[in-house]
Each structure stands twice: as structure tokens, then as C-alpha cells.
């Protein structure tokens, strides 16, 4: 007879080896389907802290280990499928779970910044953190 600890460990292994990797490569249409059934699939966990954080972790610079959602603390450069590059800071308040909005500040102090996006997770092919110390 299997123990409860075995059950817990096998569930953890399934999450780590099947569910999380699936989220990291799934297309948006499938992520939305999973979101609708998330409590049945993943158990009593919040989809934004698991499904969507794991989905965005396909871009390692998008998330910070141990925190949910997209990391807003660093300037990033997104490269979109059409080759367009977008640079600025992620704005979690304006973004949704399946898309990101970028806030780009302007060089002059008197000019307002601008909101760019939203960009779907499927539109983004590269997501890189810009190292502020490299530009100084």
C-alpha cells in the first residue's frame, strides 16, 4: 500500500515534470482553456500564481523566482513575431494574465511616457531584461 507521502511526492513530480513545462510552451488558446478548468487540473491554487506565472516563465527574464506575475522592476526589450522591438517597463496593473503592457518613458523630463501594447504572450518571441549597469 502506498503512503500519503508517496501521493504528495508523485503529485509534486507531476506538477514539476508535466504541468509546469506544459504551461511554459502552450499556446494562448490552450492556456485559456486550462484557465477555465484550472481548479480541476491543478487543485486549489490560483491560476495567476501558477498557470500564468509558469506560462510567462517561458521567458526567464519575465518572472522573478518566488514571486507571481511579471517582474516590473527592470526595463525589458520585447521582440515580437513581426520583428518589432519594444523597450520599456512592464506594467502589471495595465497588463492581463495573457498579455503585457509596456510603459516607455521619454528622454526629456517634460515629456510624458507612453503605454505600448498590450502584447499577447503568443506575439512575443524574445523577452530580455536590459542591464541598467551596462548602459551607465
Protein backbone atom coordinates (compact mmCIF):
# COMPACT_ATOMS: atom_id res chain seq x y z
CA UNK A 1 0.00 0.00 0.00
CA UNK A 2 1.27 3.46 -0.95
CA UNK A 3 1.68 6.11 1.74
CA UNK A 4 0.25 9.61 1.78
CA UNK A 5 3.79 10.95 1.41
CA UNK A 6 4.11 8.93 -1.80
CA UNK A 7 0.90 10.50 -3.09
CA UNK A 8 2.12 14.02 -2.27
CA UNK A 9 5.51 13.38 -3.86
CA UNK A 10 4.01 11.90 -7.03
CA UNK A 11 1.67 14.90 -7.35
CA UNK A 12 4.64 17.28 -6.92
CA UNK A 13 6.60 15.32 -9.53
CA UNK A 14 3.67 15.52 -11.99
CA UNK A 15 3.39 19.28 -11.46
CA UNK A 16 7.15 19.78 -11.97
CA UNK A 17 7.62 17.38 -14.88
CA UNK A 18 4.32 17.70 -16.77
CA UNK A 19 2.11 20.63 -15.78
CA UNK A 20 4.67 23.43 -15.41
CA UNK A 21 6.57 22.53 -18.65
CA UNK A 22 3.24 22.36 -20.50
CA UNK A 23 2.38 25.90 -19.33
CA UNK A 24 5.79 27.14 -20.50
CA UNK A 25 5.17 26.09 -24.10
CA UNK A 26 1.38 26.14 -24.54
CA UNK A 27 -0.31 28.50 -26.99
CA UNK A 28 -2.64 31.16 -25.66
CA UNK A 29 -5.78 29.35 -26.83
CA UNK A 30 -4.80 26.29 -24.76
CA UNK A 31 -3.79 28.40 -21.76
CA UNK A 32 -7.25 29.98 -21.78
CA UNK A 33 -8.88 26.53 -21.84
CA UNK A 34 -6.69 25.42 -18.94
CA UNK A 35 -7.53 28.59 -17.03
CA UNK A 36 -11.24 27.73 -17.24
CA UNK A 37 -10.59 24.27 -15.72
CA UNK A 38 -7.62 25.17 -13.51
CA UNK A 39 -9.16 24.09 -10.18
CA UNK A 40 -9.86 20.63 -11.64
CA UNK A 41 -6.41 20.37 -13.23
CA UNK A 42 -4.14 21.88 -10.62
CA UNK A 43 -6.17 21.79 -7.43
CA UNK A 44 -6.96 24.67 -5.13
CA UNK A 45 -4.32 27.05 -6.41
CA UNK A 46 -4.71 30.45 -8.00
CA UNK A 47 -4.28 30.37 -11.80
CA UNK A 48 -2.45 33.73 -11.83
CA UNK A 49 0.20 32.50 -9.40
CA UNK A 50 0.68 29.17 -11.16
CA UNK A 51 -0.68 28.79 -14.71
CA UNK A 52 0.05 32.32 -15.91
CA UNK A 53 3.32 32.76 -13.98
CA UNK A 54 4.52 29.43 -15.38
CA UNK A 55 3.39 30.46 -18.86
CA UNK A 56 5.39 33.70 -18.66
CA UNK A 57 8.40 31.80 -17.30
CA UNK A 58 8.99 30.57 -20.86
CA UNK A 59 10.85 33.89 -20.91
CA UNK A 60 13.20 33.60 -17.90
CA UNK A 61 13.70 37.38 -17.71
CA UNK A 62 9.94 37.94 -17.41
CA UNK A 63 9.48 36.49 -13.94
CA UNK A 64 11.33 36.56 -10.66
CA UNK A 65 11.66 33.25 -8.84
CA UNK A 66 9.37 33.10 -5.85
CA UNK A 67 7.08 35.93 -6.96
CA UNK A 68 3.94 35.73 -9.03
CA UNK A 69 3.32 37.69 -12.19
CA UNK A 70 5.69 39.57 -14.42
CA UNK A 71 8.70 41.33 -12.87
CA UNK A 72 8.16 45.09 -13.15
CA UNK A 73 11.45 46.17 -11.60
CA UNK A 74 13.63 46.09 -14.70
CA UNK A 75 13.50 47.65 -18.12
CA UNK A 76 12.98 45.00 -20.79
CA UNK A 77 13.16 44.60 -24.55
CA UNK A 78 10.46 42.52 -26.19
CA UNK A 79 10.90 41.20 -29.69
CA UNK A 80 7.62 40.45 -31.43
CA UNK A 81 6.91 37.90 -34.17
CA UNK A 82 6.94 40.62 -36.83
CA UNK A 83 10.46 41.68 -35.75
CA UNK A 84 9.37 44.82 -33.90
CA UNK A 85 11.38 45.55 -30.75
CA UNK A 86 9.66 47.28 -27.82
CA UNK A 87 11.58 48.66 -24.85
CA UNK A 88 10.24 49.82 -21.50
CA UNK A 89 8.99 48.66 -18.12
CA UNK A 90 6.26 46.02 -17.72
CA UNK A 91 3.08 47.45 -16.18
CA UNK A 92 1.26 44.69 -14.28
CA UNK A 93 -1.73 46.89 -13.45
CA UNK A 94 -2.41 47.57 -17.14
CA UNK A 95 -1.48 44.05 -18.28
CA UNK A 96 -3.69 41.00 -18.20
CA UNK A 97 -2.69 37.42 -17.44
CA UNK A 98 -2.28 36.61 -21.14
CA UNK A 99 -0.74 39.87 -22.35
CA UNK A 100 1.70 42.54 -21.29
CA UNK A 101 1.64 46.31 -21.46
CA UNK A 102 4.95 48.18 -21.57
CA UNK A 103 5.45 51.68 -20.19
CA UNK A 104 8.10 53.58 -22.12
CA UNK A 105 9.45 56.74 -20.59
CA UNK A 106 10.72 59.53 -22.76
CA UNK A 107 14.18 61.01 -22.51
CA UNK A 108 13.08 64.54 -21.66
CA UNK A 109 11.69 65.26 -18.22
CA UNK A 110 8.80 67.33 -19.57
CA UNK A 111 7.57 64.63 -21.99
CA UNK A 112 5.02 62.10 -20.76
CA UNK A 113 5.75 58.44 -21.17
CA UNK A 114 3.60 56.17 -23.30
CA UNK A 115 1.82 52.89 -22.89
CA UNK A 116 2.62 50.26 -25.52
CA UNK A 117 0.61 47.11 -26.12
CA UNK A 118 -0.96 45.01 -24.91
CA UNK A 119 1.13 42.26 -26.48
CA UNK A 120 -0.14 38.69 -26.33
CA UNK A 121 2.15 36.02 -24.93
CA UNK A 122 1.95 34.39 -28.38
CA UNK A 123 3.19 37.58 -30.13
CA UNK A 124 6.43 37.68 -28.14
CA UNK A 125 9.40 35.68 -29.37
CA UNK A 126 12.03 37.15 -27.06
CA UNK A 127 11.86 38.90 -23.68
CA UNK A 128 15.16 40.25 -22.34
CA UNK A 129 15.93 42.26 -19.24
CA UNK A 130 18.08 45.31 -20.00
CA UNK A 131 21.01 45.57 -17.63
CA UNK A 132 20.95 49.15 -16.37
CA UNK A 133 24.56 48.95 -15.23
CA UNK A 134 25.69 48.13 -18.79
CA UNK A 135 24.27 51.43 -20.08
CA UNK A 136 25.87 53.62 -17.42
